[in-house]
Amino acid sequence: MGDTRAKKSGLSADIQKKLNAKYSEEQERQCRQWIEAVTGETLIDQEIGMNHFNKCLKDGTVLCKLINTLNGEALVKKINTSSMAFKQMENISSFLDACKVFGLKDGDCFQTPDLYENQNMSQVLATIFAVSSFATSNGFSGPTIGVKIADENVREFDEATLAAGKAVLSGQTGWNKGANQAGMNIGNTRHIVD
């Protein structure tokens, strides 16, 4: 299937160049290794590069299998194996919906055309890293990439500790429990006449 998009020009071409420049082949290598380790399947195209990685993920089946494996139970109930464009885009949309259930925010996720039309593969990489980060907090004990999401660290203090904390001056110089200079005049006020 050939590329049906017109060649970008002007500002659109400049923006696309910036998006392509953000793409990291090192992050791609990490994502490839991690996806293969988690799913137990080898990606179809082993060549490194944005277009090759797009070819591996474009139909959405690998991403759907990935999120189902990470969750332990199927978040994507039906994975389409058809080569029809709308079925492949449906797989990608199902993956993105599953990501939101998994804990990702809208800003963490790429848009369907970013992957399907190879528009912003750096955002696809960022989403895969975010999925990995949320995996451990959702109970996945296998390999991960990227940063770990912080756990909640609730602290309980007794009354004596809280009272001792009130006796310590805050780091803000001149703190005096909310007092301010409202109503104070120094010298005469300035009279303005129209």
Protein backbone atom coordinates (compact mmCIF):
# COMPACT_ATOMS: atom_id res chain seq x y z
CA MET A 1 0.00 0.00 0.00
CA GLY A 2 1.51 3.31 -1.06
CA ASP A 3 1.55 6.53 0.89
CA THR A 4 -1.65 8.44 0.11
CA ARG A 5 -0.72 11.66 1.92
CA ALA A 6 0.47 14.67 -0.01
CA LYS A 7 4.03 15.78 0.68
CA LYS A 8 4.09 18.41 3.40
CA SER A 9 5.40 21.86 2.66
CA GLY A 10 6.00 25.14 4.48
CA LEU A 11 5.21 25.22 8.19
CA SER A 12 3.83 21.66 8.16
CA ALA A 13 7.11 20.36 6.75
CA ASP A 14 9.09 22.26 9.38
CA ILE A 15 6.94 20.84 12.16
CA GLN A 16 7.29 17.32 10.77
CA LYS A 17 11.08 17.73 10.67
CA LYS A 18 11.07 18.74 14.34
CA LEU A 19 8.89 15.76 15.25
CA ASN A 20 11.18 13.40 13.34
CA ALA A 21 14.25 14.94 14.99
CA LYS A 22 12.84 14.07 18.44
CA TYR A 23 12.81 10.36 17.55
CA SER A 24 15.42 8.35 19.45
CA GLU A 25 16.70 5.08 18.03
CA GLU A 26 18.10 4.17 21.46
CA GLN A 27 14.59 4.45 22.95
CA GLU A 28 13.31 2.37 20.04
CA ARG A 29 15.84 -0.37 20.85
CA GLN A 30 14.71 -0.37 24.48
CA CYS A 31 11.04 -0.53 23.43
CA ARG A 32 11.69 -3.36 20.97
CA GLN A 33 13.56 -5.45 23.53
CA TRP A 34 10.94 -4.80 26.18
CA ILE A 35 7.96 -5.61 23.92
CA GLU A 36 9.61 -8.85 22.79
CA ALA A 37 10.46 -9.81 26.40
CA VAL A 38 6.93 -9.14 27.68
CA THR A 39 4.94 -10.65 24.81
CA GLY A 40 7.36 -13.48 24.05
CA GLU A 41 7.04 -12.76 20.33
CA THR A 42 9.63 -11.43 17.90
CA LEU A 43 8.67 -8.25 16.03
CA ILE A 44 8.23 -8.73 12.28
CA ASP A 45 10.84 -6.16 11.21
CA GLN A 46 14.15 -6.33 13.10
CA GLU A 47 15.68 -3.33 11.31
CA ILE A 48 16.17 -0.26 13.52
CA GLY A 49 14.56 2.99 12.40
CA MET A 50 11.35 4.96 12.64
CA ASN A 51 9.74 3.50 9.51
CA HIS A 52 10.72 -0.06 10.44
CA PHE A 53 9.33 0.27 13.97
CA ASN A 54 6.15 1.77 12.51
CA LYS A 55 5.82 -1.29 10.27
CA CYS A 56 5.98 -3.54 13.37
CA LEU A 57 3.28 -1.68 15.28
CA LYS A 58 1.06 -0.23 12.55
CA ASP A 59 -1.68 -2.89 12.66
CA GLY A 60 -2.04 -2.52 16.45
CA THR A 61 -1.98 -6.26 17.22
CA VAL A 62 1.39 -6.17 19.01
CA LEU A 63 0.28 -3.25 21.20
CA CYS A 64 -3.01 -4.97 22.09
CA LYS A 65 -1.16 -8.18 23.05
CA LEU A 66 1.29 -6.09 25.09
CA ILE A 67 -1.38 -4.33 27.17
CA ASN A 68 -3.29 -7.58 27.70
CA THR A 69 -0.12 -9.33 28.92
CA LEU A 70 0.77 -6.46 31.27
CA ASN A 71 -2.71 -6.35 32.76
CA GLY A 72 -2.98 -10.10 33.30
CA GLU A 73 -6.47 -10.17 31.83
CA ALA A 74 -7.70 -8.92 28.49
CA LEU A 75 -8.34 -5.19 28.40
CA VAL A 76 -8.67 -5.49 24.61
CA LYS A 77 -11.28 -8.22 24.13
CA LYS A 78 -11.11 -8.53 20.33
CA ILE A 79 -7.90 -8.06 18.36
CA ASN A 80 -8.57 -7.68 14.65
CA THR A 81 -6.17 -9.54 12.35
CA SER A 82 -7.61 -8.05 9.16
CA SER A 83 -5.36 -6.02 6.85
CA MET A 84 -8.12 -3.48 6.29
CA ALA A 85 -7.14 0.02 7.37
CA PHE A 86 -10.14 0.73 9.60
CA LYS A 87 -9.69 -2.58 11.44
CA GLN A 88 -6.03 -1.79 12.11
CA MET A 89 -6.95 1.70 13.34
CA GLU A 90 -9.63 0.09 15.53
CA ASN A 91 -6.88 -2.05 17.15
CA ILE A 92 -4.83 1.09 17.84
CA SER A 93 -7.88 2.86 19.32
CA SER A 94 -8.62 -0.19 21.48
CA PHE A 95 -5.02 -0.11 22.75
CA LEU A 96 -5.32 3.61 23.58
CA ASP A 97 -8.62 3.03 25.42
CA ALA A 98 -6.98 0.19 27.37
CA CYS A 99 -4.08 2.50 28.25
CA LYS A 100 -6.50 4.92 29.89
CA VAL A 101 -8.06 2.08 31.89
CA PHE A 102 -4.51 0.98 32.79
CA GLY A 103 -3.88 4.40 34.36
CA LEU A 104 -2.37 6.61 31.66
CA LYS A 105 -3.65 10.16 31.20
CA ASP A 106 -4.71 11.58 27.83
CA GLY A 107 -1.46 13.54 27.60
CA ASP A 108 0.56 10.32 27.95
CA CYS A 109 -1.06 8.71 24.91
CA PHE A 110 -0.40 9.21 21.22
CA GLN A 111 -3.19 9.75 18.71
CA THR A 112 -4.14 7.01 16.22
CA PRO A 113 -2.69 8.87 13.17
CA ASP A 114 0.62 9.33 15.03
CA LEU A 115 1.19 5.61 14.61
CA TYR A 116 -0.98 4.57 11.68
CA GLU A 117 0.14 7.38 9.38
CA ASN A 118 3.66 7.55 10.86
CA GLN A 119 3.11 11.18 11.90
CA ASN A 120 4.70 11.28 15.38
CA MET A 121 6.59 8.12 16.28
CA SER A 122 8.42 9.87 19.14
CA GLN A 123 5.05 10.18 20.92
CA VAL A 124 4.44 6.47 20.28
CA LEU A 125 7.75 5.71 22.03
CA ALA A 126 6.76 8.00 24.93
CA THR A 127 3.45 6.15 25.30
CA ILE A 128 5.20 2.77 25.38
CA PHE A 129 7.55 4.06 28.09
CA ALA A 130 4.54 5.36 30.05
CA VAL A 131 2.78 1.99 29.77
CA SER A 132 5.89 0.32 31.17
CA SER A 133 6.02 2.80 34.05
CA PHE A 134 2.42 2.06 35.02
CA ALA A 135 2.91 -1.71 34.68
CA THR A 136 4.65 -2.19 38.03
CA SER A 137 2.05 -0.12 39.90
CA ASN A 138 -0.63 -2.33 38.29
CA GLY A 139 0.99 -5.53 39.60
CA PHE A 140 3.22 -6.58 36.70
CA SER A 141 6.42 -8.17 38.01
CA GLY A 142 8.29 -8.65 34.73
CA PRO A 143 10.84 -6.40 33.03
CA THR A 144 10.18 -2.68 32.63
CA ILE A 145 11.73 0.35 30.93
CA GLY A 146 11.61 4.02 31.84
CA VAL A 147 10.89 5.54 35.22
CA LYS A 148 9.02 3.95 38.11
CA ILE A 149 5.84 5.65 39.26
CA ALA A 150 6.22 6.77 42.88
CA ASP A 151 4.23 4.98 45.54
CA GLU A 152 2.13 6.86 48.07
CA ASN A 153 3.99 7.42 51.33
CA VAL A 154 1.44 8.42 53.97
CA ARG A 155 2.95 9.43 57.30
CA GLU A 156 1.15 9.44 60.61
CA PHE A 157 2.47 11.75 63.35
CA ASP A 158 1.40 11.79 66.98
CA GLU A 159 0.23 15.01 68.65
CA ALA A 160 3.59 15.61 70.38
CA THR A 161 5.46 15.55 67.07
CA LEU A 162 2.93 17.89 65.45
CA ALA A 163 3.19 20.33 68.39
CA ALA A 164 7.00 20.26 68.18
CA GLY A 165 6.78 21.07 64.48
CA LYS A 166 4.76 24.21 65.21
CA ALA A 167 7.56 25.54 67.40
CA VAL A 168 10.06 25.47 64.52
CA LEU A 169 10.27 28.68 62.50
CA SER A 170 9.36 28.28 58.88
CA GLY A 171 11.99 28.81 56.20
CA GLN A 172 10.35 32.08 55.24
CA THR A 173 12.03 35.03 56.91
CA GLY A 174 9.72 37.30 58.89
CA TRP A 175 6.90 34.80 59.21
CA ASN A 176 4.48 36.02 61.83
CA LYS A 177 1.34 33.89 61.55
CA GLY A 178 -0.38 35.80 58.77
CA ALA A 179 0.03 39.38 60.06
CA ASN A 180 0.51 42.00 57.35
CA GLN A 181 0.95 45.75 57.04
CA ALA A 182 -2.60 46.53 55.99
CA GLY A 183 -3.78 49.84 57.48
CA MET A 184 -0.32 51.16 58.28
CA ASN A 185 0.69 54.61 57.04
CA ILE A 186 4.19 56.02 57.03
CA GLY A 187 4.06 59.79 56.54
CA ASN A 188 1.35 61.70 54.71
CA THR A 189 -0.73 60.16 51.99
CA ARG A 190 -0.35 61.53 48.50
CA HIS A 191 -3.30 63.64 47.32
CA ILE A 192 -4.06 63.51 43.64
CA VAL A 193 -6.23 66.29 42.28
CA ASP A 194 -8.01 66.02 38.96
